[in-house]
PDB file of N, CA and C in Angstrom:
ATOM      1  N   MET A   1     101.543 101.285 100.543  1.00  0.00           N
ATOM      2  CA  MET A   1     102.503 101.558  99.509  1.00  0.00           C
ATOM      3  C   MET A   1     103.165 100.258  99.070  1.00  0.00           C
ATOM      4  N   LYS A   2     103.363  99.330  99.988  1.00  0.00           N
ATOM      5  CA  LYS A   2     103.986  98.057  99.617  1.00  0.00           C
ATOM      6  C   LYS A   2     103.155  97.316  98.584  1.00  0.00           C
ATOM      7  N   LEU A   3     101.852  97.302  98.770  1.00  0.00           N
ATOM      8  CA  LEU A   3     100.969  96.620  97.823  1.00  0.00           C
ATOM      9  C   LEU A   3     101.042  97.275  96.450  1.00  0.00           C
ATOM     10  N   LEU A   4     101.046  98.583  96.427  1.00  0.00           N
ATOM     11  CA  LEU A   4     101.138  99.308  95.159  1.00  0.00           C
ATOM     12  C   LEU A   4     102.448  98.996  94.454  1.00  0.00           C
ATOM     13  N   LYS A   5     103.529  98.933  95.190  1.00  0.00           N
ATOM     14  CA  LYS A   5     104.831  98.657  94.578  1.00  0.00           C
ATOM     15  C   LYS A   5     104.904  97.250  94.005  1.00  0.00           C
ATOM     16  N   LYS A   6     104.145  96.325  94.579  1.00  0.00           N
ATOM     17  CA  LYS A   6     104.127  94.956  94.047  1.00  0.00           C
ATOM     18  C   LYS A   6     103.416  94.900  92.707  1.00  0.00           C
ATOM     19  N   SER A   7     102.353  95.667  92.550  1.00  0.00           N
ATOM     20  CA  SER A   7     101.546  95.571  91.330  1.00  0.00           C
ATOM     21  C   SER A   7     101.754  96.726  90.358  1.00  0.00           C
ATOM     22  N   GLY A   8     102.351  97.819  90.818  1.00  0.00           N
ATOM     23  CA  GLY A   8     102.522  98.986  89.962  1.00  0.00           C
ATOM     24  C   GLY A   8     103.979  99.237  89.641  1.00  0.00           C
ATOM     25  N   ASN A   9     104.222 100.395  89.039  1.00  0.00           N
ATOM     26  CA  ASN A   9     105.595 100.762  88.736  1.00  0.00           C
ATOM     27  C   ASN A   9     105.978 101.991  89.557  1.00  0.00           C
ATOM     28  N   THR A  10     107.176 102.499  89.334  1.00  0.00           N
ATOM     29  CA  THR A  10     107.647 103.626  90.141  1.00  0.00           C
ATOM     30  C   THR A  10     106.820 104.885  89.911  1.00  0.00           C
ATOM     31  N   MET A  11     106.340 105.072  88.695  1.00  0.00           N
ATOM     32  CA  MET A  11     105.496 106.241  88.399  1.00  0.00           C
ATOM     33  C   MET A  11     104.182 106.143  89.162  1.00  0.00           C
ATOM     34  N   ASP A  12     103.604 104.948  89.238  1.00  0.00           N
ATOM     35  CA  ASP A  12     102.366 104.748  89.995  1.00  0.00           C
ATOM     36  C   ASP A  12     102.573 105.122  91.464  1.00  0.00           C
ATOM     37  N   ALA A  13     103.694 104.701  92.029  1.00  0.00           N
ATOM     38  CA  ALA A  13     103.983 104.986  93.432  1.00  0.00           C
ATOM     39  C   ALA A  13     104.128 106.494  93.651  1.00  0.00           C
ATOM     40  N   TYR A  14     104.779 107.174  92.725  1.00  0.00           N
ATOM     41  CA  TYR A  14     104.947 108.629  92.822  1.00  0.00           C
ATOM     42  C   TYR A  14     103.586 109.338  92.779  1.00  0.00           C
ATOM     43  N   VAL A  15     102.754 108.970  91.826  1.00  0.00           N
ATOM     44  CA  VAL A  15     101.438 109.604  91.685  1.00  0.00           C
ATOM     45  C   VAL A  15     100.579 109.328  92.913  1.00  0.00           C
ATOM     46  N   HIS A  16     100.588 108.103  93.382  1.00  0.00           N
ATOM     47  CA  HIS A  16      99.797 107.727  94.548  1.00  0.00           C
ATOM     48  C   HIS A  16     100.227 108.530  95.777  1.00  0.00           C
ATOM     49  N   ALA A  17     101.521 108.664  95.980  1.00  0.00           N
ATOM     50  CA  ALA A  17     102.013 109.427  97.131  1.00  0.00           C
ATOM     51  C   ALA A  17     101.537 110.875  97.057  1.00  0.00           C
ATOM     52  N   GLY A  18     101.513 111.438  95.854  1.00  0.00           N
ATOM     53  CA  GLY A  18     101.020 112.804  95.682  1.00  0.00           C
ATOM     54  C   GLY A  18      99.542 112.928  96.011  1.00  0.00           C
ATOM     55  N   LEU A  19      98.779 111.938  95.631  1.00  0.00           N
ATOM     56  CA  LEU A  19      97.341 111.956  95.929  1.00  0.00           C
ATOM     57  C   LEU A  19      97.082 111.844  97.430  1.00  0.00           C
ATOM     58  N   VAL A  20      97.844 110.985  98.086  1.00  0.00           N
ATOM     59  CA  VAL A  20      97.689 110.837  99.535  1.00  0.00           C
ATOM     60  C   VAL A  20      98.080 112.142 100.231  1.00  0.00           C
ATOM     61  N   ALA A  21      99.176 112.747  99.789  1.00  0.00           N
ATOM     62  CA  ALA A  21      99.597 114.026 100.375  1.00  0.00           C
ATOM     63  C   ALA A  21      98.505 115.083 100.193  1.00  0.00           C
ATOM     64  N   ALA A  22      97.910 115.126  99.011  1.00  0.00           N
ATOM     65  CA  ALA A  22      96.848 116.102  98.749  1.00  0.00           C
ATOM     66  C   ALA A  22      95.647 115.878  99.673  1.00  0.00           C
ATOM     67  N   ALA A  23      95.325 114.631  99.939  1.00  0.00           N
ATOM     68  CA  ALA A  23      94.208 114.327 100.833  1.00  0.00           C
ATOM     69  C   ALA A  23      94.501 114.828 102.249  1.00  0.00           C
ATOM     70  N   TYR A  24      95.730 114.630 102.711  1.00  0.00           N
ATOM     71  CA  TYR A  24      96.094 115.122 104.034  1.00  0.00           C
ATOM     72  C   TYR A  24      96.113 116.647 104.076  1.00  0.00           C
ATOM     73  N   LEU A  25      96.489 117.278 102.987  1.00  0.00           N
ATOM     74  CA  LEU A  25      96.467 118.736 102.925  1.00  0.00           C
ATOM     75  C   LEU A  25      95.032 119.238 103.073  1.00  0.00           C
ATOM     76  N   GLN A  26      94.101 118.608 102.369  1.00  0.00           N
ATOM     77  CA  GLN A  26      92.692 119.004 102.474  1.00  0.00           C
ATOM     78  C   GLN A  26      92.149 118.773 103.874  1.00  0.00           C
ATOM     79  N   ALA A  27      92.648 117.722 104.530  1.00  0.00           N
ATOM     80  CA  ALA A  27      92.203 117.421 105.892  1.00  0.00           C
ATOM     81  C   ALA A  27      92.908 118.291 106.934  1.00  0.00           C
ATOM     82  N   LYS A  28      93.835 119.137 106.459  1.00  0.00           N
ATOM     83  CA  LYS A  28      94.610 120.019 107.343  1.00  0.00           C
ATOM     84  C   LYS A  28      95.399 119.224 108.379  1.00  0.00           C
ATOM     85  N   ASP A  29      95.901 118.068 107.953  1.00  0.00           N
ATOM     86  CA  ASP A  29      96.728 117.200 108.801  1.00  0.00           C
ATOM     87  C   ASP A  29      98.181 117.409 108.385  1.00  0.00           C
ATOM     88  N   GLU A  30      98.809 118.410 108.993  1.00  0.00           N
ATOM     89  CA  GLU A  30     100.147 118.821 108.573  1.00  0.00           C
ATOM     90  C   GLU A  30     101.198 117.734 108.794  1.00  0.00           C
ATOM     91  N   LEU A  31     101.106 117.006 109.880  1.00  0.00           N
ATOM     92  CA  LEU A  31     102.087 115.970 110.176  1.00  0.00           C
ATOM     93  C   LEU A  31     102.107 114.901 109.074  1.00  0.00           C
ATOM     94  N   ASN A  32     100.932 114.365 108.751  1.00  0.00           N
ATOM     95  CA  ASN A  32     100.873 113.339 107.717  1.00  0.00           C
ATOM     96  C   ASN A  32     101.111 113.901 106.319  1.00  0.00           C
ATOM     97  N   TYR A  33     100.713 115.153 106.093  1.00  0.00           N
ATOM     98  CA  TYR A  33     100.996 115.801 104.814  1.00  0.00           C
ATOM     99  C   TYR A  33     102.503 115.851 104.582  1.00  0.00           C
ATOM    100  N   ASN A  34     103.239 116.312 105.583  1.00  0.00           N
ATOM    101  CA  ASN A  34     104.693 116.396 105.451  1.00  0.00           C
ATOM    102  C   ASN A  34     105.320 115.019 105.256  1.00  0.00           C
ATOM    103  N   LYS A  35     104.798 114.026 105.955  1.00  0.00           N
ATOM    104  CA  LYS A  35     105.301 112.653 105.808  1.00  0.00           C
ATOM    105  C   LYS A  35     105.123 112.182 104.364  1.00  0.00           C
ATOM    106  N   TRP A  36     103.941 112.397 103.794  1.00  0.00           N
ATOM    107  CA  TRP A  36     103.668 111.915 102.445  1.00  0.00           C
ATOM    108  C   TRP A  36     104.333 112.767 101.378  1.00  0.00           C
ATOM    109  N   LYS A  37     104.590 114.038 101.644  1.00  0.00           N
ATOM    110  CA  LYS A  37     105.368 114.837 100.700  1.00  0.00           C
ATOM    111  C   LYS A  37     106.795 114.307 100.625  1.00  0.00           C
ATOM    112  N   ALA A  38     107.337 113.876 101.748  1.00  0.00           N
ATOM    113  CA  ALA A  38     108.674 113.273 101.755  1.00  0.00           C
ATOM    114  C   ALA A  38     108.662 111.959 100.979  1.00  0.00           C
ATOM    115  N   ILE A  39     107.614 111.171 101.160  1.00  0.00           N
ATOM    116  CA  ILE A  39     107.476 109.914 100.414  1.00  0.00           C
ATOM    117  C   ILE A  39     107.349 110.211  98.928  1.00  0.00           C
ATOM    118  N   GLU A  40     106.551 111.222  98.588  1.00  0.00           N
ATOM    119  CA  GLU A  40     106.384 111.614  97.188  1.00  0.00           C
ATOM    120  C   GLU A  40     107.731 112.008  96.576  1.00  0.00           C
ATOM    121  N   LYS A  41     108.518 112.767  97.319  1.00  0.00           N
ATOM    122  CA  LYS A  41     109.829 113.191  96.827  1.00  0.00           C
ATOM    123  C   LYS A  41     110.732 111.984  96.583  1.00  0.00           C
ATOM    124  N   GLU A  42     110.725 111.035  97.491  1.00  0.00           N
ATOM    125  CA  GLU A  42     111.536 109.820  97.344  1.00  0.00           C
ATOM    126  C   GLU A  42     111.070 108.999  96.140  1.00  0.00           C
ATOM    127  N   GLU A  43     109.759 108.898  95.958  1.00  0.00           N
ATOM    128  CA  GLU A  43     109.228 108.137  94.824  1.00  0.00           C
ATOM    129  C   GLU A  43     109.520 108.841  93.503  1.00  0.00           C
ATOM    130  N   ALA A  44     109.546 110.161  93.514  1.00  0.00           N
ATOM    131  CA  ALA A  44     109.927 110.904  92.302  1.00  0.00           C
ATOM    132  C   ALA A  44     111.367 110.560  91.933  1.00  0.00           C
ATOM    133  N   LYS A  45     112.216 110.530  92.942  1.00  0.00           N
ATOM    134  CA  LYS A  45     113.617 110.162  92.722  1.00  0.00           C
ATOM    135  C   LYS A  45     113.714 108.750  92.148  1.00  0.00           C
ATOM    136  N   ASN A  46     112.949 107.820  92.718  1.00  0.00           N
ATOM    137  CA  ASN A  46     112.954 106.430  92.244  1.00  0.00           C
ATOM    138  C   ASN A  46     112.462 106.327  90.795  1.00  0.00           C
ATOM    139  N   ALA A  47     111.537 107.198  90.423  1.00  0.00           N
ATOM    140  CA  ALA A  47     110.971 107.175  89.076  1.00  0.00           C
ATOM    141  C   ALA A  47     111.802 107.989  88.092  1.00  0.00           C
ATOM    142  N   GLY A  48     112.852 108.642  88.568  1.00  0.00           N
ATOM    143  CA  GLY A  48     113.695 109.438  87.691  1.00  0.00           C
ATOM    144  C   GLY A  48     113.116 110.785  87.325  1.00  0.00           C
ATOM    145  N   ILE A  49     112.227 111.295  88.175  1.00  0.00           N
ATOM    146  CA  ILE A  49     111.579 112.580  87.928  1.00  0.00           C
ATOM    147  C   ILE A  49     112.339 113.652  88.688  1.00  0.00           C
ATOM    148  N   PRO A  50     112.910 114.633  87.982  1.00  0.00           N
ATOM    149  CA  PRO A  50     113.631 115.700  88.688  1.00  0.00           C
ATOM    150  C   PRO A  50     112.657 116.666  89.355  1.00  0.00           C
ATOM    151  N   LEU A  51     112.913 116.983  90.590  1.00  0.00           N
ATOM    152  CA  LEU A  51     112.086 117.955  91.315  1.00  0.00           C
ATOM    153  C   LEU A  51     112.950 119.150  91.656  1.00  0.00           C
ATOM    154  N   ASN A  52     112.375 120.314  91.603  1.00  0.00           N
ATOM    155  CA  ASN A  52     113.116 121.544  91.913  1.00  0.00           C
ATOM    156  C   ASN A  52     113.197 121.763  93.385  1.00  0.00           C
TER     157      ASN A  52
END
């Protein structure tokens, strides 16, 4: 994520976190899925995206 933040913007970080979370969901890795969903939520906040 650090590398992405250096070269991308906040929206890129949000989208990337969502993709990583989706990959963990498909792998049925609940621990890492939950970790990346939390990261996705934080990146949404950083990008100014309201989440319900």
